[in-house]
Structure formats: structure tokens, C-alpha cells
Amino acid sequence: MLNTILAQAQAQGSGMSGLLMIVAMIAIFYFVMIRPQNKKQKEIKRQREAMKNGDRVVTAGGIHGKIRDIKDATVLIEVAPGVSLKVDKASVYPAVEEKAAPKAEKSSKKDKAEVVAESEDKK
């Protein structure tokens, strides 16, 4: 009789640890997957509300252009001089500004001569 009571107590303890593991996995899933996605969606919504004429944007299809007119649900984007596209506001994202690549300094003739001399030494 004592053995059966101890066996039941052990079985209940393992059930609680299993339930605790499931709750822990759900919490980890929330903080790793769901919460960052919600933050990103809020940021995109805030950026869309702040868009104005002249801003550079990219559509969900990858078309780059400048905003010419904003309506309630649509945006008119100029993709080339005289070419405009009317797209849904939800498919427009702010364009990422590309930073100019640092310009390489011009090397002097002496440096080039040294490079040529080094390559001849290796042969």
C-alpha cells in the first residue's frame, strides 16, 4: 500500500514538471518570436504614418521611387521622370539610405612602382 502511494506521488511530481516545461517553452517562444515581430510591425506602422511627399520608398515588389501624393489607402510613387505608379499604402516601406562608399586614396607613382618591383621579385 505504501508503495502505491509513493508511486502516485512520484507520477504527480513528473506531471507538474512536464507542465512547467510547457509553460517555459511558451514563454521562450513569446519573447524570442512574437514580441520582436510586434515591435517591428509597430515601427513600420509609425514610419508609414510619418511618410510625406518627396520621401524615397520601396514597394513590397522591390520598386524604388519617390512619393508624389498620399491618399487614405493609396500612394502615388514616381519611379522615373513622368512615370508614376499608384500602389496600396500597406505595400510601401521607407527606403534604406545607402551610405557612400569611402573613396580610395589615389596612390602615388612611387607606390605603383614598388608594387611592380615586388611582383617581379616573387617571380
N, C-alpha and C. Protein backbone atom coordinates (compact mmCIF):
# COMPACT_ATOMS: atom_id res chain seq x y z
N MET A 1 0.82 -1.18 0.00
CA MET A 1 0.00 0.00 0.00
C MET A 1 0.88 1.26 0.00
N LEU A 2 1.91 1.26 0.80
CA LEU A 2 2.83 2.37 0.87
C LEU A 2 3.53 2.57 -0.46
N ASN A 3 3.84 1.46 -1.12
CA ASN A 3 4.50 1.55 -2.43
C ASN A 3 3.60 2.23 -3.47
N THR A 4 2.32 1.94 -3.46
CA THR A 4 1.42 2.55 -4.43
C THR A 4 1.25 4.05 -4.16
N ILE A 5 1.25 4.46 -2.90
CA ILE A 5 1.13 5.88 -2.57
C ILE A 5 2.37 6.64 -3.03
N LEU A 6 3.55 6.04 -2.80
CA LEU A 6 4.80 6.67 -3.24
C LEU A 6 4.86 6.75 -4.76
N ALA A 7 4.40 5.72 -5.45
CA ALA A 7 4.41 5.72 -6.91
C ALA A 7 3.49 6.80 -7.46
N GLN A 8 2.33 6.98 -6.84
CA GLN A 8 1.41 8.03 -7.27
C GLN A 8 1.99 9.42 -7.02
N ALA A 9 2.68 9.60 -5.91
CA ALA A 9 3.29 10.89 -5.59
C ALA A 9 4.38 11.23 -6.60
N GLN A 10 5.15 10.24 -6.99
CA GLN A 10 6.20 10.47 -7.98
C GLN A 10 5.59 10.79 -9.35
N ALA A 11 4.52 10.13 -9.72
CA ALA A 11 3.87 10.36 -11.00
C ALA A 11 3.29 11.77 -11.06
N GLN A 12 2.71 12.25 -9.96
CA GLN A 12 2.16 13.59 -9.94
C GLN A 12 3.27 14.64 -10.04
N GLY A 13 4.39 14.39 -9.42
CA GLY A 13 5.52 15.31 -9.47
C GLY A 13 6.05 15.43 -10.89
N SER A 14 6.13 14.34 -11.64
CA SER A 14 6.63 14.40 -13.01
C SER A 14 5.61 15.10 -13.92
N GLY A 15 4.34 15.01 -13.60
CA GLY A 15 3.31 15.71 -14.37
C GLY A 15 3.42 17.21 -14.21
N MET A 16 3.75 17.63 -13.00
CA MET A 16 3.93 19.07 -12.75
C MET A 16 5.17 19.60 -13.45
N SER A 17 6.22 18.81 -13.46
CA SER A 17 7.44 19.27 -14.14
C SER A 17 7.21 19.33 -15.64
N GLY A 18 6.42 18.42 -16.18
CA GLY A 18 6.08 18.46 -17.61
C GLY A 18 5.27 19.70 -17.95
N LEU A 19 4.33 20.03 -17.09
CA LEU A 19 3.52 21.23 -17.29
C LEU A 19 4.37 22.49 -17.18
N LEU A 20 5.30 22.48 -16.24
CA LEU A 20 6.22 23.61 -16.07
C LEU A 20 7.09 23.79 -17.32
N MET A 21 7.53 22.71 -17.90
CA MET A 21 8.35 22.78 -19.12
C MET A 21 7.54 23.36 -20.29
N ILE A 22 6.29 22.98 -20.40
CA ILE A 22 5.44 23.51 -21.48
C ILE A 22 5.24 25.02 -21.31
N VAL A 23 5.00 25.46 -20.08
CA VAL A 23 4.82 26.88 -19.81
C VAL A 23 6.12 27.63 -20.12
N ALA A 24 7.26 27.06 -19.75
CA ALA A 24 8.55 27.70 -20.03
C ALA A 24 8.79 27.81 -21.54
N MET A 25 8.43 26.79 -22.29
CA MET A 25 8.62 26.82 -23.75
C MET A 25 7.73 27.89 -24.39
N ILE A 26 6.52 28.04 -23.91
CA ILE A 26 5.62 29.06 -24.44
C ILE A 26 6.18 30.45 -24.13
N ALA A 27 6.71 30.65 -22.93
CA ALA A 27 7.29 31.95 -22.57
C ALA A 27 8.51 32.27 -23.44
N ILE A 28 9.36 31.29 -23.65
CA ILE A 28 10.53 31.49 -24.51
C ILE A 28 10.10 31.81 -25.93
N PHE A 29 9.12 31.08 -26.45
CA PHE A 29 8.61 31.32 -27.80
C PHE A 29 8.07 32.75 -27.92
N TYR A 30 7.37 33.23 -26.90
CA TYR A 30 6.81 34.58 -26.92
C TYR A 30 7.93 35.62 -27.00
N PHE A 31 8.93 35.50 -26.12
CA PHE A 31 9.98 36.51 -26.06
C PHE A 31 10.95 36.45 -27.24
N VAL A 32 11.09 35.30 -27.87
CA VAL A 32 12.03 35.17 -28.98
C VAL A 32 11.36 35.44 -30.33
N MET A 33 10.10 35.06 -30.49
CA MET A 33 9.46 35.15 -31.79
C MET A 33 8.36 36.22 -31.88
N ILE A 34 7.43 36.20 -31.00
CA ILE A 34 6.23 37.03 -31.14
C ILE A 34 6.50 38.49 -30.77
N ARG A 35 7.15 38.74 -29.66
CA ARG A 35 7.37 40.11 -29.20
C ARG A 35 8.22 40.93 -30.17
N PRO A 36 9.35 40.41 -30.69
CA PRO A 36 10.12 41.20 -31.66
C PRO A 36 9.33 41.50 -32.93
N GLN A 37 8.49 40.57 -33.38
CA GLN A 37 7.70 40.79 -34.58
C GLN A 37 6.68 41.91 -34.35
N ASN A 38 6.07 41.93 -33.18
CA ASN A 38 5.12 43.00 -32.85
C ASN A 38 5.81 44.36 -32.83
N LYS A 39 7.02 44.42 -32.28
CA LYS A 39 7.77 45.68 -32.25
C LYS A 39 8.08 46.14 -33.67
N LYS A 40 8.47 45.21 -34.53
CA LYS A 40 8.80 45.57 -35.91
C LYS A 40 7.56 46.09 -36.64
N GLN A 41 6.41 45.46 -36.44
CA GLN A 41 5.18 45.91 -37.08
C GLN A 41 4.78 47.31 -36.60
N LYS A 42 4.96 47.59 -35.33
CA LYS A 42 4.64 48.93 -34.81
C LYS A 42 5.57 49.98 -35.41
N GLU A 43 6.84 49.64 -35.58
CA GLU A 43 7.81 50.56 -36.16
C GLU A 43 7.47 50.85 -37.62
N ILE A 44 7.10 49.84 -38.38
CA ILE A 44 6.73 50.04 -39.79
C ILE A 44 5.46 50.89 -39.87
N LYS A 45 4.50 50.66 -39.00
CA LYS A 45 3.27 51.46 -38.99
C LYS A 45 3.59 52.92 -38.69
N ARG A 46 4.47 53.15 -37.72
CA ARG A 46 4.86 54.52 -37.37
C ARG A 46 5.56 55.20 -38.55
N GLN A 47 6.42 54.46 -39.26
CA GLN A 47 7.11 55.03 -40.41
C GLN A 47 6.15 55.35 -41.54
N ARG A 48 5.15 54.51 -41.76
CA ARG A 48 4.16 54.77 -42.81
C ARG A 48 3.35 56.03 -42.50
N GLU A 49 3.01 56.21 -41.24
CA GLU A 49 2.23 57.39 -40.86
C GLU A 49 3.06 58.67 -41.00
N ALA A 50 4.38 58.56 -40.90
CA ALA A 50 5.26 59.73 -40.99
C ALA A 50 5.68 60.05 -42.43
N MET A 51 5.29 59.23 -43.41
CA MET A 51 5.68 59.47 -44.80
C MET A 51 5.06 60.76 -45.31
N LYS A 52 5.84 61.44 -46.17
CA LYS A 52 5.35 62.67 -46.77
C LYS A 52 5.84 62.75 -48.21
N ASN A 53 5.33 63.70 -48.96
CA ASN A 53 5.73 63.86 -50.36
C ASN A 53 7.24 64.09 -50.44
N GLY A 54 7.87 63.42 -51.42
CA GLY A 54 9.30 63.57 -51.63
C GLY A 54 10.14 62.52 -50.95
N ASP A 55 9.57 61.73 -50.05
CA ASP A 55 10.33 60.67 -49.38
C ASP A 55 10.63 59.54 -50.35
N ARG A 56 11.80 58.94 -50.20
CA ARG A 56 12.17 57.77 -51.00
C ARG A 56 11.57 56.53 -50.34
N VAL A 57 10.95 55.67 -51.16
CA VAL A 57 10.31 54.47 -50.65
C VAL A 57 10.62 53.27 -51.55
N VAL A 58 10.31 52.08 -51.02
CA VAL A 58 10.43 50.84 -51.77
C VAL A 58 9.11 50.09 -51.60
N THR A 59 8.58 49.56 -52.69
CA THR A 59 7.35 48.79 -52.60
C THR A 59 7.69 47.36 -52.19
N ALA A 60 6.67 46.60 -51.83
CA ALA A 60 6.87 45.20 -51.46
C ALA A 60 7.43 44.40 -52.63
N GLY A 61 7.20 44.87 -53.86
CA GLY A 61 7.72 44.20 -55.04
C GLY A 61 9.14 44.62 -55.40
N GLY A 62 9.71 45.57 -54.65
CA GLY A 62 11.09 45.98 -54.88
C GLY A 62 11.26 47.19 -55.77
N ILE A 63 10.20 47.90 -56.07
CA ILE A 63 10.28 49.08 -56.93
C ILE A 63 10.62 50.30 -56.08
N HIS A 64 11.68 51.01 -56.47
CA HIS A 64 12.12 52.20 -55.75
C HIS A 64 11.54 53.45 -56.40
N GLY A 65 11.22 54.45 -55.59
CA GLY A 65 10.71 55.70 -56.13
C GLY A 65 10.53 56.74 -55.05
N LYS A 66 9.94 57.87 -55.46
CA LYS A 66 9.66 58.98 -54.54
C LYS A 66 8.15 59.15 -54.45
N ILE A 67 7.69 59.48 -53.27
CA ILE A 67 6.26 59.71 -53.05
C ILE A 67 5.88 61.05 -53.69
N ARG A 68 4.82 61.03 -54.50
CA ARG A 68 4.29 62.24 -55.11
C ARG A 68 2.97 62.65 -54.49
N ASP A 69 2.15 61.68 -54.05
CA ASP A 69 0.86 62.00 -53.45
C ASP A 69 0.45 60.87 -52.52
N ILE A 70 -0.16 61.22 -51.38
CA ILE A 70 -0.61 60.22 -50.42
C ILE A 70 -2.11 60.39 -50.20
N LYS A 71 -2.84 59.31 -50.39
CA LYS A 71 -4.28 59.29 -50.10
C LYS A 71 -4.50 58.44 -48.85
N ASP A 72 -5.76 58.17 -48.51
CA ASP A 72 -6.05 57.36 -47.33
C ASP A 72 -5.49 55.95 -47.44
N ALA A 73 -5.71 55.28 -48.57
CA ALA A 73 -5.29 53.89 -48.71
C ALA A 73 -4.25 53.67 -49.80
N THR A 74 -3.95 54.70 -50.59
CA THR A 74 -3.01 54.53 -51.69
C THR A 74 -1.92 55.59 -51.67
N VAL A 75 -0.84 55.29 -52.39
CA VAL A 75 0.28 56.21 -52.52
C VAL A 75 0.64 56.29 -53.99
N LEU A 76 0.89 57.49 -54.49
CA LEU A 76 1.35 57.68 -55.87
C LEU A 76 2.86 57.85 -55.82
N ILE A 77 3.57 56.92 -56.48
CA ILE A 77 5.03 56.90 -56.45
C ILE A 77 5.57 57.19 -57.83
N GLU A 78 6.52 58.13 -57.91
CA GLU A 78 7.20 58.42 -59.19
C GLU A 78 8.46 57.56 -59.23
N VAL A 79 8.52 56.65 -60.23
CA VAL A 79 9.65 55.74 -60.35
C VAL A 79 10.67 56.21 -61.38
N ALA A 80 10.25 57.08 -62.28
CA ALA A 80 11.12 57.69 -63.29
C ALA A 80 10.45 59.00 -63.68
N PRO A 81 11.19 59.91 -64.29
CA PRO A 81 10.56 61.16 -64.70
C PRO A 81 9.36 60.91 -65.62
N GLY A 82 8.20 61.33 -65.18
CA GLY A 82 6.98 61.17 -65.96
C GLY A 82 6.30 59.82 -65.80
N VAL A 83 6.84 58.93 -64.97
CA VAL A 83 6.25 57.59 -64.76
C VAL A 83 5.86 57.46 -63.29
N SER A 84 4.56 57.32 -63.04
CA SER A 84 4.06 57.20 -61.67
C SER A 84 3.26 55.92 -61.52
N LEU A 85 3.32 55.34 -60.34
CA LEU A 85 2.56 54.13 -60.01
C LEU A 85 1.68 54.40 -58.81
N LYS A 86 0.45 53.90 -58.86
CA LYS A 86 -0.47 54.02 -57.73
C LYS A 86 -0.46 52.66 -57.03
N VAL A 87 0.00 52.63 -55.76
CA VAL A 87 0.10 51.36 -55.03
C VAL A 87 -0.60 51.48 -53.68
N ASP A 88 -0.91 50.34 -53.12
CA ASP A 88 -1.55 50.28 -51.81
C ASP A 88 -0.57 50.77 -50.74
N LYS A 89 -1.05 51.53 -49.80
CA LYS A 89 -0.19 52.11 -48.77
C LYS A 89 0.49 51.04 -47.92
N ALA A 90 -0.15 49.90 -47.75
CA ALA A 90 0.41 48.82 -46.93
C ALA A 90 1.61 48.15 -47.58
N SER A 91 1.79 48.35 -48.89
CA SER A 91 2.91 47.69 -49.58
C SER A 91 4.09 48.63 -49.79
N VAL A 92 4.11 49.77 -49.08
CA VAL A 92 5.18 50.75 -49.24
C VAL A 92 6.00 50.80 -47.95
N TYR A 93 7.32 50.75 -48.11
CA TYR A 93 8.24 50.80 -46.98
C TYR A 93 9.25 51.93 -47.20
N PRO A 94 9.71 52.55 -46.14
CA PRO A 94 10.74 53.59 -46.31
C PRO A 94 12.01 52.97 -46.87
N ALA A 95 12.66 53.67 -47.79
CA ALA A 95 13.89 53.17 -48.39
C ALA A 95 15.04 53.34 -47.42
N VAL A 96 15.92 52.38 -47.42
CA VAL A 96 17.12 52.45 -46.59
C VAL A 96 18.13 53.30 -47.32
N GLU A 97 18.63 54.31 -46.65
CA GLU A 97 19.62 55.19 -47.27
C GLU A 97 20.94 54.46 -47.39
N GLU A 98 21.49 54.45 -48.60
CA GLU A 98 22.79 53.82 -48.82
C GLU A 98 23.87 54.84 -48.50
N LYS A 99 24.83 54.40 -47.73
CA LYS A 99 25.95 55.28 -47.40
C LYS A 99 26.96 55.20 -48.53
N ALA A 100 27.55 56.32 -48.85
CA ALA A 100 28.55 56.36 -49.91
C ALA A 100 29.77 55.57 -49.46
N ALA A 101 30.29 54.78 -50.38
CA ALA A 101 31.49 54.00 -50.08
C ALA A 101 32.66 54.95 -49.92
N PRO A 102 33.54 54.67 -48.96
CA PRO A 102 34.68 55.56 -48.80
C PRO A 102 35.56 55.53 -50.04
N LYS A 103 35.99 56.70 -50.47
CA LYS A 103 36.80 56.79 -51.67
C LYS A 103 38.23 56.35 -51.35
N ALA A 104 38.76 55.51 -52.22
CA ALA A 104 40.14 55.07 -52.03
C ALA A 104 41.07 56.21 -52.40
N GLU A 105 42.08 56.37 -51.60
CA GLU A 105 43.04 57.43 -51.89
C GLU A 105 43.86 57.04 -53.10
N LYS A 106 44.16 58.03 -53.92
CA LYS A 106 44.96 57.75 -55.10
C LYS A 106 46.38 57.47 -54.66
N SER A 107 46.91 56.37 -55.15
CA SER A 107 48.28 56.02 -54.78
C SER A 107 49.24 56.74 -55.71
N SER A 108 50.39 57.05 -55.19
CA SER A 108 51.38 57.78 -55.98
C SER A 108 52.07 56.82 -56.95
N LYS A 109 52.79 57.40 -57.91
CA LYS A 109 53.51 56.58 -58.88
C LYS A 109 54.57 55.73 -58.20
N LYS A 110 55.14 56.24 -57.12
CA LYS A 110 56.16 55.52 -56.39
C LYS A 110 55.57 54.24 -55.80
N ASP A 111 54.36 54.33 -55.26
CA ASP A 111 53.72 53.14 -54.69
C ASP A 111 53.47 52.09 -55.77
N LYS A 112 53.04 52.51 -56.94
CA LYS A 112 52.79 51.58 -58.04
C LYS A 112 54.09 50.92 -58.48
N ALA A 113 55.18 51.69 -58.51
CA ALA A 113 56.47 51.13 -58.90
C ALA A 113 56.93 50.09 -57.88
N GLU A 114 56.67 50.35 -56.60
CA GLU A 114 57.04 49.39 -55.58
C GLU A 114 56.27 48.10 -55.73
N VAL A 115 54.99 48.19 -56.07
CA VAL A 115 54.17 47.01 -56.28
C VAL A 115 54.67 46.19 -57.45
N VAL A 116 55.05 46.85 -58.53
CA VAL A 116 55.59 46.17 -59.71
C VAL A 116 56.90 45.47 -59.34
N ALA A 117 57.74 46.15 -58.58
CA ALA A 117 59.04 45.58 -58.18
C ALA A 117 58.83 44.36 -57.29
N GLU A 118 57.87 44.42 -56.39
CA GLU A 118 57.60 43.29 -55.50
C GLU A 118 57.08 42.09 -56.29
N SER A 119 56.24 42.35 -57.27
CA SER A 119 55.70 41.23 -58.06
C SER A 119 56.79 40.59 -58.90
N GLU A 120 57.77 41.38 -59.36
CA GLU A 120 58.88 40.82 -60.13
C GLU A 120 59.80 40.01 -59.24
N ASP A 121 59.96 40.43 -57.96
CA ASP A 121 60.79 39.69 -57.01
C ASP A 121 60.22 38.33 -56.71
N LYS A 122 58.89 38.25 -56.67
CA LYS A 122 58.21 36.98 -56.37
C LYS A 122 58.37 35.97 -57.50
N LYS A 123 58.57 36.46 -58.73
CA LYS A 123 58.71 35.55 -59.87
C LYS A 123 60.05 34.95 -59.85
